[in-house]
Amino acid sequence: MSKLLIGIHGSTGRVGRVLIENLQNDKDALIACLHAIDEFGFAAPKEVKKTNSLEELFNLSGVVIDFTSPLGTEALLKYAITNPKPLIIGTTGLNGAQIALLKEAARKMPILYSTNMSLGVAVLNRLVEIASEKLRDFDIEIVEQHHRLKKDAPSGTALTLGEYAAKARGLELDKVRVSGRDGMTGQRSKDEIAIFALRGGDVVGRHTVGFYNNGEFIELNHTATSRDTFAKGAIHAAKWIINQPNGQYSISDCLEG
């Protein structure tokens, strides 16, 4: 059986580099093409095609994995709309217009978009949803920690966790989210879901969702100790997405695959 040909959009980034390492030892998939928006500042495998052209990336790849920037993902989606190709998108910090573009593109091709490609976080999302629904009288607070270089806050993963928690209680996260407290803020409201961001050092990623009540509390935690977990999750998703019909998917959808 032939191997799945995977193209990497954002191959010079932190996750892109780890994807390259993982695919060099994968028994079911291999690197079809490495794409960079600017210059290649590292020694990529000599036998692999390197390009700045989206056309070449798409022509050589069976599926494309994207870990870039919101603008990089936007350019990718605009090209893909007229040149459909299964996509795995792990870029965080997308704005409303970019999310709308992703939804439009997903009508023409299968796209798995997730703010965190870790399979452990996919399980955490489900646990948060269950806990939020069952523990309705508990207050929900979310804390996320990342390295000093991360540009968006709070993290996309923390927002997704908040969305799972809010949905389980029939709430809209945008209407109940609190992103900071300072001074005389008054008593905590029953429905609010607080999300706080910590930045420092080289922390890959840590997310804690706490459910607090009088006399007891539960904290669900996930810690990424290496970007390897994101790369492995994205490759797992790429193998899954090629057999799916057009539409938008999340990492939770391929959890059983």
C-alpha atoms as a PDB file:
ATOM      1  CA  MET A   1       0.000   0.000   0.000  1.00  0.00           C
ATOM      2  CA  SER A   2       1.364   3.405  -0.960  1.00  0.00           C
ATOM      3  CA  LYS A   3       2.143   5.907   1.758  1.00  0.00           C
ATOM      4  CA  LEU A   4       0.092   9.046   2.370  1.00  0.00           C
ATOM      5  CA  LEU A   5       1.836  12.116   0.927  1.00  0.00           C
ATOM      6  CA  ILE A   6       1.747  14.940   3.471  1.00  0.00           C
ATOM      7  CA  GLY A   7       2.669  18.539   2.687  1.00  0.00           C
ATOM      8  CA  ILE A   8       3.668  20.869   5.523  1.00  0.00           C
ATOM      9  CA  HIS A   9       2.593  24.516   5.374  1.00  0.00           C
ATOM     10  CA  GLY A  10       4.663  26.281   8.008  1.00  0.00           C
ATOM     11  CA  SER A  11       7.562  23.828   7.910  1.00  0.00           C
ATOM     12  CA  THR A  12      10.023  26.338   9.400  1.00  0.00           C
ATOM     13  CA  GLY A  13       8.009  26.880  12.588  1.00  0.00           C
ATOM     14  CA  ARG A  14       8.393  25.103  15.929  1.00  0.00           C
ATOM     15  CA  VAL A  15       5.698  22.491  15.260  1.00  0.00           C
ATOM     16  CA  GLY A  16       6.638  22.228  11.587  1.00  0.00           C
ATOM     17  CA  ARG A  17      10.148  21.124  12.479  1.00  0.00           C
ATOM     18  CA  VAL A  18       8.798  18.434  14.818  1.00  0.00           C
ATOM     19  CA  LEU A  19       6.403  17.250  12.096  1.00  0.00           C
ATOM     20  CA  ILE A  20       9.378  16.714   9.802  1.00  0.00           C
ATOM     21  CA  GLU A  21      11.138  14.592  12.435  1.00  0.00           C
ATOM     22  CA  ASN A  22       8.057  12.465  13.064  1.00  0.00           C
ATOM     23  CA  LEU A  23       7.261  11.868   9.390  1.00  0.00           C
ATOM     24  CA  GLN A  24      10.776  10.652   8.652  1.00  0.00           C
ATOM     25  CA  ASN A  25      10.029   7.577  10.754  1.00  0.00           C
ATOM     26  CA  ASP A  26       6.337   7.060   9.948  1.00  0.00           C
ATOM     27  CA  LYS A  27       5.397   3.717   8.378  1.00  0.00           C
ATOM     28  CA  ASP A  28       2.194   4.989   6.718  1.00  0.00           C
ATOM     29  CA  ALA A  29       3.045   8.533   5.594  1.00  0.00           C
ATOM     30  CA  LEU A  30       5.919  10.584   4.248  1.00  0.00           C
ATOM     31  CA  ILE A  31       6.757  14.210   3.502  1.00  0.00           C
ATOM     32  CA  ALA A  32       5.624  15.205   0.024  1.00  0.00           C
ATOM     33  CA  CYS A  33       6.648  18.853   0.172  1.00  0.00           C
ATOM     34  CA  LEU A  34       7.830  21.493   2.622  1.00  0.00           C
ATOM     35  CA  HIS A  35       6.411  24.985   2.208  1.00  0.00           C
ATOM     36  CA  ALA A  36       7.828  28.175   3.706  1.00  0.00           C
ATOM     37  CA  ILE A  37       6.297  31.622   3.467  1.00  0.00           C
ATOM     38  CA  ASP A  38       9.755  33.231   3.622  1.00  0.00           C
ATOM     39  CA  GLU A  39      13.150  31.511   3.618  1.00  0.00           C
ATOM     40  CA  PHE A  40      14.173  28.056   4.807  1.00  0.00           C
ATOM     41  CA  GLY A  41      16.508  28.714   7.707  1.00  0.00           C
ATOM     42  CA  PHE A  42      17.268  25.091   8.552  1.00  0.00           C
ATOM     43  CA  ALA A  43      18.654  21.952   6.985  1.00  0.00           C
ATOM     44  CA  ALA A  44      15.626  20.019   5.738  1.00  0.00           C
ATOM     45  CA  PRO A  45      15.969  16.482   4.352  1.00  0.00           C
ATOM     46  CA  LYS A  46      17.770  16.793   1.012  1.00  0.00           C
ATOM     47  CA  GLU A  47      15.414  14.446  -0.844  1.00  0.00           C
ATOM     48  CA  VAL A  48      12.291  16.467   0.064  1.00  0.00           C
ATOM     49  CA  LYS A  49      10.948  19.191  -2.218  1.00  0.00           C
ATOM     50  CA  LYS A  50      11.060  22.679  -0.687  1.00  0.00           C
ATOM     51  CA  THR A  51       8.969  25.508  -2.087  1.00  0.00           C
ATOM     52  CA  ASN A  52       7.400  28.931  -1.532  1.00  0.00           C
ATOM     53  CA  SER A  53       4.589  28.080  -3.950  1.00  0.00           C
ATOM     54  CA  LEU A  54       1.164  26.999  -2.702  1.00  0.00           C
ATOM     55  CA  GLU A  55       0.452  25.565  -6.155  1.00  0.00           C
ATOM     56  CA  GLU A  56       3.441  23.253  -5.933  1.00  0.00           C
ATOM     57  CA  LEU A  57       2.603  22.305  -2.342  1.00  0.00           C
ATOM     58  CA  PHE A  58      -0.933  21.296  -3.324  1.00  0.00           C
ATOM     59  CA  ASN A  59       0.107  19.470  -6.500  1.00  0.00           C
ATOM     60  CA  LEU A  60       2.569  17.251  -4.637  1.00  0.00           C
ATOM     61  CA  SER A  61       0.496  16.552  -1.497  1.00  0.00           C
ATOM     62  CA  GLY A  62      -2.418  14.285  -0.699  1.00  0.00           C
ATOM     63  CA  VAL A  63      -3.173  16.287   2.441  1.00  0.00           C
ATOM     64  CA  VAL A  64      -1.703  19.521   3.799  1.00  0.00           C
ATOM     65  CA  ILE A  65      -0.930  20.214   7.474  1.00  0.00           C
ATOM     66  CA  ASP A  66      -0.870  23.903   8.437  1.00  0.00           C
ATOM     67  CA  PHE A  67       0.835  25.375  11.503  1.00  0.00           C
ATOM     68  CA  THR A  68       1.566  28.978  10.538  1.00  0.00           C
ATOM     69  CA  SER A  69       0.032  32.321  11.504  1.00  0.00           C
ATOM     70  CA  PRO A  70      -3.522  33.638  11.067  1.00  0.00           C
ATOM     71  CA  LEU A  71      -2.453  35.453   7.883  1.00  0.00           C
ATOM     72  CA  GLY A  72      -0.647  32.364   6.616  1.00  0.00           C
ATOM     73  CA  THR A  73      -3.715  30.205   7.202  1.00  0.00           C
ATOM     74  CA  GLU A  74      -5.920  32.823   5.539  1.00  0.00           C
ATOM     75  CA  ALA A  75      -3.771  32.705   2.379  1.00  0.00           C
ATOM     76  CA  LEU A  76      -3.863  28.897   2.444  1.00  0.00           C
ATOM     77  CA  LEU A  77      -7.669  28.820   2.721  1.00  0.00           C
ATOM     78  CA  LYS A  78      -8.154  31.342  -0.084  1.00  0.00           C
ATOM     79  CA  TYR A  79      -6.025  29.198  -2.380  1.00  0.00           C
ATOM     80  CA  ALA A  80      -7.706  25.959  -1.262  1.00  0.00           C
ATOM     81  CA  ILE A  81     -11.205  27.234  -2.048  1.00  0.00           C
ATOM     82  CA  THR A  82     -10.383  27.072  -5.771  1.00  0.00           C
ATOM     83  CA  ASN A  83      -7.998  24.115  -5.388  1.00  0.00           C
ATOM     84  CA  PRO A  84      -9.658  21.801  -2.831  1.00  0.00           C
ATOM     85  CA  LYS A  85      -7.400  19.552  -0.779  1.00  0.00           C
ATOM     86  CA  PRO A  86      -7.898  17.843   2.621  1.00  0.00           C
ATOM     87  CA  LEU A  87      -6.461  20.170   5.256  1.00  0.00           C
ATOM     88  CA  ILE A  88      -5.313  19.863   8.860  1.00  0.00           C
ATOM     89  CA  ILE A  89      -5.163  23.312  10.470  1.00  0.00           C
ATOM     90  CA  GLY A  90      -3.563  23.856  13.871  1.00  0.00           C
ATOM     91  CA  THR A  91      -2.957  27.607  13.695  1.00  0.00           C
ATOM     92  CA  THR A  92      -4.359  29.529  16.665  1.00  0.00           C
ATOM     93  CA  GLY A  93      -5.528  33.136  16.978  1.00  0.00           C
ATOM     94  CA  LEU A  94      -7.849  33.128  13.941  1.00  0.00           C
ATOM     95  CA  ASN A  95     -10.267  36.067  13.886  1.00  0.00           C
ATOM     96  CA  GLY A  96     -13.956  35.972  13.022  1.00  0.00           C
ATOM     97  CA  ALA A  97     -13.433  36.611   9.307  1.00  0.00           C
ATOM     98  CA  GLN A  98     -10.799  33.874   9.102  1.00  0.00           C
ATOM     99  CA  ILE A  99     -13.071  31.394  10.882  1.00  0.00           C
ATOM    100  CA  ALA A 100     -15.836  32.283   8.400  1.00  0.00           C
ATOM    101  CA  LEU A 101     -13.390  31.656   5.540  1.00  0.00           C
ATOM    102  CA  LEU A 102     -12.540  28.267   7.041  1.00  0.00           C
ATOM    103  CA  LYS A 103     -16.222  27.342   7.221  1.00  0.00           C
ATOM    104  CA  GLU A 104     -16.686  28.402   3.591  1.00  0.00           C
ATOM    105  CA  ALA A 105     -13.711  26.286   2.506  1.00  0.00           C
ATOM    106  CA  ALA A 106     -14.993  23.268   4.457  1.00  0.00           C
ATOM    107  CA  ARG A 107     -17.993  23.107   2.128  1.00  0.00           C
ATOM    108  CA  LYS A 108     -15.593  22.162  -0.681  1.00  0.00           C
ATOM    109  CA  MET A 109     -13.141  19.866   1.123  1.00  0.00           C
ATOM    110  CA  PRO A 110     -12.683  18.053   4.450  1.00  0.00           C
ATOM    111  CA  ILE A 111     -10.902  20.303   6.964  1.00  0.00           C
ATOM    112  CA  LEU A 112      -9.901  19.352  10.485  1.00  0.00           C
ATOM    113  CA  TYR A 113      -9.361  22.511  12.516  1.00  0.00           C
ATOM    114  CA  SER A 114      -8.269  22.298  16.121  1.00  0.00           C
ATOM    115  CA  THR A 115      -6.637  24.767  18.480  1.00  0.00           C
ATOM    116  CA  ASN A 116      -4.740  21.843  20.007  1.00  0.00           C
ATOM    117  CA  MET A 117      -3.829  18.667  18.111  1.00  0.00           C
ATOM    118  CA  SER A 118      -3.072  16.695  21.266  1.00  0.00           C
ATOM    119  CA  LEU A 119      -5.231  13.586  21.629  1.00  0.00           C
ATOM    120  CA  GLY A 120      -5.006  14.106  25.395  1.00  0.00           C
ATOM    121  CA  VAL A 121      -6.624  17.531  25.049  1.00  0.00           C
ATOM    122  CA  ALA A 122      -9.335  15.979  22.883  1.00  0.00           C
ATOM    123  CA  VAL A 123     -10.178  13.722  25.835  1.00  0.00           C
ATOM    124  CA  LEU A 124      -9.952  16.705  28.205  1.00  0.00           C
ATOM    125  CA  ASN A 125     -12.555  18.560  26.127  1.00  0.00           C
ATOM    126  CA  ARG A 126     -14.984  15.700  26.627  1.00  0.00           C
ATOM    127  CA  LEU A 127     -14.262  15.456  30.355  1.00  0.00           C
ATOM    128  CA  VAL A 128     -14.843  19.195  30.773  1.00  0.00           C
ATOM    129  CA  GLU A 129     -18.151  18.925  28.946  1.00  0.00           C
ATOM    130  CA  ILE A 130     -19.319  16.099  31.209  1.00  0.00           C
ATOM    131  CA  ALA A 131     -18.154  17.814  34.401  1.00  0.00           C
ATOM    132  CA  SER A 132     -19.723  21.134  33.433  1.00  0.00           C
ATOM    133  CA  GLU A 133     -23.094  19.517  32.810  1.00  0.00           C
ATOM    134  CA  LYS A 134     -23.057  17.333  35.931  1.00  0.00           C
ATOM    135  CA  LEU A 135     -21.620  19.944  38.319  1.00  0.00           C
ATOM    136  CA  ARG A 136     -23.930  22.839  37.496  1.00  0.00           C
ATOM    137  CA  ASP A 137     -23.545  24.528  40.889  1.00  0.00           C
ATOM    138  CA  PHE A 138     -19.742  24.592  40.627  1.00  0.00           C
ATOM    139  CA  ASP A 139     -17.839  27.717  39.531  1.00  0.00           C
ATOM    140  CA  ILE A 140     -15.584  27.248  36.495  1.00  0.00           C
ATOM    141  CA  GLU A 141     -12.125  28.806  36.244  1.00  0.00           C
ATOM    142  CA  ILE A 142      -9.573  28.057  33.507  1.00  0.00           C
ATOM    143  CA  VAL A 143      -5.842  28.803  33.706  1.00  0.00           C
ATOM    144  CA  GLU A 144      -3.424  28.313  30.806  1.00  0.00           C
ATOM    145  CA  GLN A 145       0.373  28.613  30.759  1.00  0.00           C
ATOM    146  CA  HIS A 146       2.655  28.974  27.729  1.00  0.00           C
ATOM    147  CA  HIS A 147       6.151  30.052  26.756  1.00  0.00           C
ATOM    148  CA  ARG A 148       7.121  33.718  26.549  1.00  0.00           C
ATOM    149  CA  LEU A 149       7.053  33.750  22.727  1.00  0.00           C
ATOM    150  CA  LYS A 150       3.361  32.876  22.322  1.00  0.00           C
ATOM    151  CA  LYS A 151       1.586  35.791  20.658  1.00  0.00           C
ATOM    152  CA  ASP A 152      -2.134  35.159  21.311  1.00  0.00           C
ATOM    153  CA  ALA A 153      -3.880  35.110  24.678  1.00  0.00           C
ATOM    154  CA  PRO A 154      -5.777  33.390  26.025  1.00  0.00           C
ATOM    155  CA  SER A 155      -4.714  30.291  24.116  1.00  0.00           C
ATOM    156  CA  GLY A 156      -7.003  28.763  21.543  1.00  0.00           C
ATOM    157  CA  THR A 157      -7.044  25.594  23.618  1.00  0.00           C
ATOM    158  CA  ALA A 158      -8.278  27.469  26.694  1.00  0.00           C
ATOM    159  CA  LEU A 159     -11.025  29.119  24.646  1.00  0.00           C
ATOM    160  CA  THR A 160     -12.073  25.752  23.243  1.00  0.00           C
ATOM    161  CA  LEU A 161     -12.224  24.292  26.751  1.00  0.00           C
ATOM    162  CA  GLY A 162     -14.346  27.264  27.760  1.00  0.00           C
ATOM    163  CA  GLU A 163     -16.669  26.648  24.823  1.00  0.00           C
ATOM    164  CA  TYR A 164     -17.161  23.006  25.828  1.00  0.00           C
ATOM    165  CA  ALA A 165     -17.910  24.081  29.402  1.00  0.00           C
ATOM    166  CA  ALA A 166     -20.327  26.813  28.337  1.00  0.00           C
ATOM    167  CA  LYS A 167     -22.161  24.662  25.792  1.00  0.00           C
ATOM    168  CA  ALA A 168     -22.803  21.960  28.398  1.00  0.00           C
ATOM    169  CA  ARG A 169     -24.722  24.540  30.443  1.00  0.00           C
ATOM    170  CA  GLY A 170     -26.568  26.087  27.512  1.00  0.00           C
ATOM    171  CA  LEU A 171     -24.436  29.244  27.611  1.00  0.00           C
ATOM    172  CA  GLU A 172     -22.504  31.273  25.017  1.00  0.00           C
ATOM    173  CA  LEU A 173     -18.891  31.688  26.063  1.00  0.00           C
ATOM    174  CA  ASP A 174     -18.587  35.211  24.635  1.00  0.00           C
ATOM    175  CA  LYS A 175     -21.398  36.362  26.948  1.00  0.00           C
ATOM    176  CA  VAL A 176     -20.054  34.817  30.159  1.00  0.00           C
ATOM    177  CA  ARG A 177     -16.260  34.893  29.726  1.00  0.00           C
ATOM    178  CA  VAL A 178     -14.096  36.881  32.144  1.00  0.00           C
ATOM    179  CA  SER A 179     -10.486  37.471  31.072  1.00  0.00           C
ATOM    180  CA  GLY A 180      -9.180  39.387  34.063  1.00  0.00           C
ATOM    181  CA  ARG A 181     -10.034  40.702  37.504  1.00  0.00           C
ATOM    182  CA  ASP A 182      -8.594  43.809  39.099  1.00  0.00           C
ATOM    183  CA  GLY A 183      -9.831  46.090  41.864  1.00  0.00           C
ATOM    184  CA  MET A 184     -13.389  46.033  43.238  1.00  0.00           C
ATOM    185  CA  THR A 185     -14.891  43.628  40.715  1.00  0.00           C
ATOM    186  CA  GLY A 186     -17.811  42.626  42.904  1.00  0.00           C
ATOM    187  CA  GLN A 187     -19.070  39.146  43.650  1.00  0.00           C
ATOM    188  CA  ARG A 188     -18.519  36.421  41.110  1.00  0.00           C
ATOM    189  CA  SER A 189     -21.628  35.764  39.030  1.00  0.00           C
ATOM    190  CA  LYS A 190     -23.046  32.243  38.830  1.00  0.00           C
ATOM    191  CA  ASP A 191     -22.564  31.737  35.099  1.00  0.00           C
ATOM    192  CA  GLU A 192     -19.236  33.423  34.462  1.00  0.00           C
ATOM    193  CA  ILE A 193     -16.333  31.347  33.157  1.00  0.00           C
ATOM    194  CA  ALA A 194     -12.950  32.914  33.822  1.00  0.00           C
ATOM    195  CA  ILE A 195      -9.956  32.267  31.560  1.00  0.00           C
ATOM    196  CA  PHE A 196      -6.525  33.503  32.614  1.00  0.00           C
ATOM    197  CA  ALA A 197      -3.235  33.389  30.697  1.00  0.00           C
ATOM    198  CA  LEU A 198       0.275  32.997  32.142  1.00  0.00           C
ATOM    199  CA  ARG A 199       3.384  33.545  29.992  1.00  0.00           C
ATOM    200  CA  GLY A 200       7.011  32.731  30.741  1.00  0.00           C
ATOM    201  CA  GLY A 201      10.043  30.624  30.018  1.00  0.00           C
ATOM    202  CA  ASP A 202       9.729  27.710  27.611  1.00  0.00           C
ATOM    203  CA  VAL A 203       6.468  26.144  28.853  1.00  0.00           C
ATOM    204  CA  VAL A 204       5.054  24.140  25.931  1.00  0.00           C
ATOM    205  CA  GLY A 205       1.504  24.217  27.264  1.00  0.00           C
ATOM    206  CA  ARG A 206      -0.443  23.596  30.453  1.00  0.00           C
ATOM    207  CA  HIS A 207      -4.209  23.904  30.884  1.00  0.00           C
ATOM    208  CA  THR A 208      -6.180  23.533  34.097  1.00  0.00           C
ATOM    209  CA  VAL A 209      -9.982  23.604  34.267  1.00  0.00           C
ATOM    210  CA  GLY A 210     -11.244  23.899  37.825  1.00  0.00           C
ATOM    211  CA  PHE A 211     -14.763  23.251  39.124  1.00  0.00           C
ATOM    212  CA  TYR A 212     -15.162  24.858  42.569  1.00  0.00           C
ATOM    213  CA  ASN A 213     -17.976  24.518  45.106  1.00  0.00           C
ATOM    214  CA  ASN A 214     -18.363  24.982  48.837  1.00  0.00           C
ATOM    215  CA  GLY A 215     -16.467  22.191  50.559  1.00  0.00           C
ATOM    216  CA  GLU A 216     -14.930  20.583  47.471  1.00  0.00           C
ATOM    217  CA  PHE A 217     -13.387  21.193  44.080  1.00  0.00           C
ATOM    218  CA  ILE A 218     -12.171  19.234  41.061  1.00  0.00           C
ATOM    219  CA  GLU A 219      -9.333  20.265  38.747  1.00  0.00           C
ATOM    220  CA  LEU A 220      -8.755  18.683  35.350  1.00  0.00           C
ATOM    221  CA  ASN A 221      -5.264  19.263  34.008  1.00  0.00           C
ATOM    222  CA  HIS A 222      -3.325  18.613  30.823  1.00  0.00           C
ATOM    223  CA  THR A 223       0.378  19.364  30.435  1.00  0.00           C
ATOM    224  CA  ALA A 224       2.280  19.134  27.165  1.00  0.00           C
ATOM    225  CA  THR A 225       5.950  18.468  27.846  1.00  0.00           C
ATOM    226  CA  SER A 226       6.905  18.383  24.160  1.00  0.00           C
ATOM    227  CA  ARG A 227       5.560  19.675  20.826  1.00  0.00           C
ATOM    228  CA  ASP A 228       5.876  16.082  19.707  1.00  0.00           C
ATOM    229  CA  THR A 229       2.351  15.485  20.986  1.00  0.00           C
ATOM    230  CA  PHE A 230       0.951  18.136  18.620  1.00  0.00           C
ATOM    231  CA  ALA A 231       2.840  16.683  15.655  1.00  0.00           C
ATOM    232  CA  LYS A 232       1.699  13.127  16.363  1.00  0.00           C
ATOM    233  CA  GLY A 233      -1.901  14.291  16.735  1.00  0.00           C
ATOM    234  CA  ALA A 234      -1.771  16.202  13.435  1.00  0.00           C
ATOM    235  CA  ILE A 235      -0.329  13.207  11.575  1.00  0.00           C
ATOM    236  CA  HIS A 236      -3.002  10.963  13.105  1.00  0.00           C
ATOM    237  CA  ALA A 237      -5.616  13.484  11.929  1.00  0.00           C
ATOM    238  CA  ALA A 238      -4.133  13.605   8.403  1.00  0.00           C
ATOM    239  CA  LYS A 239      -4.481   9.832   8.041  1.00  0.00           C
ATOM    240  CA  TRP A 240      -8.087  10.073   9.228  1.00  0.00           C
ATOM    241  CA  ILE A 241      -9.225  13.105   7.196  1.00  0.00           C
ATOM    242  CA  ILE A 242      -8.518  11.613   3.766  1.00  0.00           C
ATOM    243  CA  ASN A 243     -11.452   9.221   4.185  1.00  0.00           C
ATOM    244  CA  GLN A 244     -13.957  11.874   5.276  1.00  0.00           C
ATOM    245  CA  PRO A 245     -16.528  13.782   3.215  1.00  0.00           C
ATOM    246  CA  ASN A 246     -16.375  17.556   2.853  1.00  0.00           C
ATOM    247  CA  GLY A 247     -16.986  19.417   6.105  1.00  0.00           C
ATOM    248  CA  GLN A 248     -15.330  20.864   9.189  1.00  0.00           C
ATOM    249  CA  TYR A 249     -13.990  18.498  11.847  1.00  0.00           C
ATOM    250  CA  SER A 250     -12.129  18.723  15.160  1.00  0.00           C
ATOM    251  CA  ILE A 251      -9.450  16.554  16.735  1.00  0.00           C
ATOM    252  CA  SER A 252     -12.172  15.003  18.891  1.00  0.00           C
ATOM    253  CA  ASP A 253     -13.859  13.637  15.747  1.00  0.00           C
ATOM    254  CA  CYS A 254     -10.902  11.400  14.935  1.00  0.00           C
ATOM    255  CA  LEU A 255     -10.312  10.307  18.521  1.00  0.00           C
ATOM    256  CA  GLU A 256     -11.568   6.805  17.838  1.00  0.00           C
ATOM    257  CA  GLY A 257      -9.910   6.544  14.430  1.00  0.00           C
END
